[in-house]
C-alpha atoms as a PDB file:
ATOM      1  CA  MET A   1       5.028  -8.354  10.389  1.00  0.00           C
ATOM      2  CA  LYS A   2       3.325  -8.501   6.985  1.00  0.00           C
ATOM      3  CA  VAL A   3       3.620  -5.474   4.681  1.00  0.00           C
ATOM      4  CA  ALA A   4       1.637  -5.082   1.538  1.00  0.00           C
ATOM      5  CA  ILE A   5       3.014  -2.899  -1.307  1.00  0.00           C
ATOM      6  CA  ALA A   6       0.631  -1.787  -4.035  1.00  0.00           C
ATOM      7  CA  LYS A   7       2.320  -2.906  -7.294  1.00  0.00           C
ATOM      8  CA  GLU A   8       2.314  -2.313 -10.931  1.00  0.00           C
ATOM      9  CA  GLY A   9       4.961  -4.544 -12.584  1.00  0.00           C
ATOM     10  CA  ASP A  10       8.019  -4.429 -10.444  1.00  0.00           C
ATOM     11  CA  ALA A  11       7.252  -0.892  -9.111  1.00  0.00           C
ATOM     12  CA  VAL A  12       5.221   0.726  -6.364  1.00  0.00           C
ATOM     13  CA  SER A  13       1.821   1.615  -7.792  1.00  0.00           C
ATOM     14  CA  GLU A  14       0.684   5.216  -7.856  1.00  0.00           C
ATOM     15  CA  HIS A  15      -2.751   4.293  -6.314  1.00  0.00           C
ATOM     16  CA  PHE A  16      -3.290   1.373  -3.971  1.00  0.00           C
ATOM     17  CA  GLY A  17      -6.940   0.813  -5.065  1.00  0.00           C
ATOM     18  CA  HIS A  18      -6.213   0.430  -8.735  1.00  0.00           C
ATOM     19  CA  CYS A  19      -3.088  -1.574  -8.628  1.00  0.00           C
ATOM     20  CA  GLU A  20      -2.724  -5.026 -10.219  1.00  0.00           C
ATOM     21  CA  ALA A  21      -1.637  -6.732  -7.029  1.00  0.00           C
ATOM     22  CA  TYR A  22      -0.047  -6.338  -3.673  1.00  0.00           C
ATOM     23  CA  ALA A  23       3.511  -7.590  -3.071  1.00  0.00           C
ATOM     24  CA  ILE A  24       3.374  -9.143   0.303  1.00  0.00           C
ATOM     25  CA  TYR A  25       6.584  -9.074   2.453  1.00  0.00           C
ATOM     26  CA  SER A  26       7.328 -10.539   5.834  1.00  0.00           C
ATOM     27  CA  ILE A  27       9.583  -8.269   7.783  1.00  0.00           C
ATOM     28  CA  GLU A  28      11.185  -9.529  11.040  1.00  0.00           C
ATOM     29  CA  ASN A  29      14.263  -7.999  12.720  1.00  0.00           C
ATOM     30  CA  SER A  30      15.192  -6.121   9.503  1.00  0.00           C
ATOM     31  CA  THR A  31      14.990  -9.351   7.489  1.00  0.00           C
ATOM     32  CA  VAL A  32      12.849  -9.056   4.381  1.00  0.00           C
ATOM     33  CA  ASP A  33      11.215 -12.077   2.774  1.00  0.00           C
ATOM     34  CA  ARG A  34       8.958 -11.765  -0.279  1.00  0.00           C
ATOM     35  CA  LEU A  35       5.811 -13.933   0.052  1.00  0.00           C
ATOM     36  CA  ASP A  36       3.270 -14.626  -2.702  1.00  0.00           C
ATOM     37  CA  ASP A  37       1.595 -11.690  -4.295  1.00  0.00           C
ATOM     38  CA  LEU A  38      -2.077 -10.990  -3.450  1.00  0.00           C
ATOM     39  CA  VAL A  39      -4.008 -10.189  -6.698  1.00  0.00           C
ATOM     40  CA  SER A  40      -6.072  -7.138  -6.194  1.00  0.00           C
ATOM     41  CA  PRO A  41      -9.824  -7.943  -5.854  1.00  0.00           C
ATOM     42  CA  GLY A  42     -10.633  -4.613  -7.574  1.00  0.00           C
ATOM     43  CA  HIS A  43     -11.438  -1.176  -6.435  1.00  0.00           C
ATOM     44  CA  THR A  44     -14.618  -1.212  -4.269  1.00  0.00           C
ATOM     45  CA  PRO A  45     -14.549   1.740  -1.861  1.00  0.00           C
ATOM     46  CA  GLY A  46     -14.090   0.616   1.740  1.00  0.00           C
ATOM     47  CA  PHE A  47     -13.463  -3.056   0.966  1.00  0.00           C
ATOM     48  CA  LEU A  48      -9.620  -3.277   0.915  1.00  0.00           C
ATOM     49  CA  PRO A  49      -8.801  -2.302   4.395  1.00  0.00           C
ATOM     50  CA  GLY A  50     -10.811  -5.111   5.951  1.00  0.00           C
ATOM     51  CA  TYR A  51      -9.719  -7.470   3.161  1.00  0.00           C
ATOM     52  CA  LEU A  52      -6.030  -6.833   3.959  1.00  0.00           C
ATOM     53  CA  ALA A  53      -6.565  -6.804   7.750  1.00  0.00           C
ATOM     54  CA  GLU A  54      -8.058 -10.371   7.455  1.00  0.00           C
ATOM     55  CA  ARG A  55      -4.728 -11.398   5.822  1.00  0.00           C
ATOM     56  CA  GLU A  56      -2.811 -10.004   8.792  1.00  0.00           C
ATOM     57  CA  ILE A  57      -1.324  -7.039   6.879  1.00  0.00           C
ATOM     58  CA  LYS A  58       0.030  -4.395   9.322  1.00  0.00           C
ATOM     59  CA  VAL A  59       1.400  -1.836   6.881  1.00  0.00           C
ATOM     60  CA  VAL A  60       0.374  -0.756   3.355  1.00  0.00           C
ATOM     61  CA  ILE A  61       2.790   1.117   1.120  1.00  0.00           C
ATOM     62  CA  ALA A  62       1.629   2.903  -2.048  1.00  0.00           C
ATOM     63  CA  GLY A  63       2.266   5.910  -4.190  1.00  0.00           C
ATOM     64  CA  GLY A  64      -1.002   7.395  -3.078  1.00  0.00           C
ATOM     65  CA  MET A  65      -4.478   7.020  -1.744  1.00  0.00           C
ATOM     66  CA  GLY A  66      -7.216   9.369  -0.544  1.00  0.00           C
ATOM     67  CA  PRO A  67      -7.826  10.511   3.007  1.00  0.00           C
ATOM     68  CA  ARG A  68     -10.939   8.330   3.553  1.00  0.00           C
ATOM     69  CA  ALA A  69      -8.960   5.231   2.626  1.00  0.00           C
ATOM     70  CA  ILE A  70      -6.161   6.127   5.027  1.00  0.00           C
ATOM     71  CA  GLU A  71      -8.731   6.592   7.765  1.00  0.00           C
ATOM     72  CA  LEU A  72     -10.298   3.155   7.023  1.00  0.00           C
ATOM     73  CA  PHE A  73      -6.878   1.454   7.060  1.00  0.00           C
ATOM     74  CA  CYS A  74      -6.116   3.090  10.493  1.00  0.00           C
ATOM     75  CA  GLU A  75      -9.574   1.862  11.784  1.00  0.00           C
ATOM     76  CA  ASN A  76      -8.494  -1.666  10.795  1.00  0.00           C
ATOM     77  CA  GLY A  77      -5.123  -1.372  12.564  1.00  0.00           C
ATOM     78  CA  ILE A  78      -3.087  -0.958   9.371  1.00  0.00           C
ATOM     79  CA  ASP A  79      -0.425   1.772   9.110  1.00  0.00           C
ATOM     80  CA  VAL A  80      -0.116   3.610   5.769  1.00  0.00           C
ATOM     81  CA  VAL A  81       2.902   4.987   4.017  1.00  0.00           C
ATOM     82  CA  ILE A  82       2.196   6.987   0.845  1.00  0.00           C
ATOM     83  CA  GLY A  83       4.276   9.028  -1.586  1.00  0.00           C
ATOM     84  CA  VAL A  84       6.474   6.073  -2.244  1.00  0.00           C
ATOM     85  CA  ARG A  85       7.894   5.450  -5.711  1.00  0.00           C
ATOM     86  CA  GLY A  86      10.412   2.975  -7.236  1.00  0.00           C
ATOM     87  CA  PRO A  87      11.111  -0.656  -7.197  1.00  0.00           C
ATOM     88  CA  LEU A  88       9.096  -2.844  -4.845  1.00  0.00           C
ATOM     89  CA  ASP A  89      12.076  -4.669  -3.242  1.00  0.00           C
ATOM     90  CA  ASP A  90      13.854  -1.291  -2.583  1.00  0.00           C
ATOM     91  CA  ALA A  91      10.791  -0.030  -0.799  1.00  0.00           C
ATOM     92  CA  ALA A  92      10.506  -3.149   1.310  1.00  0.00           C
ATOM     93  CA  ARG A  93      14.260  -3.040   2.270  1.00  0.00           C
ATOM     94  CA  ALA A  94      14.022   0.631   3.114  1.00  0.00           C
ATOM     95  CA  PHE A  95      10.927   0.038   5.276  1.00  0.00           C
ATOM     96  CA  ALA A  96      12.662  -2.834   7.075  1.00  0.00           C
ATOM     97  CA  ALA A  97      15.717  -0.592   7.804  1.00  0.00           C
ATOM     98  CA  GLY A  98      13.499   2.196   9.050  1.00  0.00           C
ATOM     99  CA  GLU A  99      14.628   4.419   6.165  1.00  0.00           C
ATOM    100  CA  LEU A 100      11.535   4.559   4.018  1.00  0.00           C
ATOM    101  CA  VAL A 101      10.491   8.156   3.497  1.00  0.00           C
ATOM    102  CA  GLY A 102       6.973   8.782   2.419  1.00  0.00           C
ATOM    103  CA  GLY A 103       5.853  11.978   0.729  1.00  0.00           C
ATOM    104  CA  GLU A 104       2.917  13.597  -0.965  1.00  0.00           C
ATOM    105  CA  SER A 105       0.337  11.299  -2.300  1.00  0.00           C
ATOM    106  CA  ALA A 106       0.672  10.508  -6.023  1.00  0.00           C
ATOM    107  CA  CYS A 107      -3.117  10.478  -6.057  1.00  0.00           C
ATOM    108  CA  HIS A 108      -5.032  13.712  -5.652  1.00  0.00           C
ATOM    109  CA  HIS A 109      -8.708  13.486  -4.704  1.00  0.00           C
ATOM    110  CA  ASN A 110     -11.279  16.290  -4.867  1.00  0.00           C
ATOM    111  CA  GLU A 111     -13.176  17.380  -1.661  1.00  0.00           C
ATOM    112  CA  SER A 112     -15.747  14.673  -2.179  1.00  0.00           C
ATOM    113  CA  GLY A 113     -12.952  12.083  -1.974  1.00  0.00           C
ATOM    114  CA  GLU A 114     -13.377  11.096  -5.653  1.00  0.00           C
ATOM    115  CA  GLY A 115     -10.693  11.062  -8.139  1.00  0.00           C
ATOM    116  CA  CYS A 116      -7.769   9.024  -9.499  1.00  0.00           C
ATOM    117  CA  GLY A 117      -9.689   7.901 -12.473  1.00  0.00           C
ATOM    118  CA  SER A 118      -6.513   7.945 -14.518  1.00  0.00           C
ATOM    119  CA  HIS A 119      -4.713   5.567 -12.180  1.00  0.00           C
END
């Protein structure tokens, strides 16, 4: 299974749509292999779920994202884990071991679904 972790440097990005790239991991039977990073094509609302689905990504991990983005990922067959912080490799290993604990989104949108201008 391919997992994309929104990244800033070597850490999980606070917001999937404004990250510099996605660290792509292949996870099979608890074995984690880091693949090439996928440079972010930029934040265009509604684009990233299809873009990542075309690349066979099955899970996206990020510090945060808005509710509409989560809905779009689900519509594209991609599971989402938000509220994750820390080093990329630690997050990937924890996910592979079934120990990754998500939490509250680091990104807070207003009722219109807009926000995160500071991420």
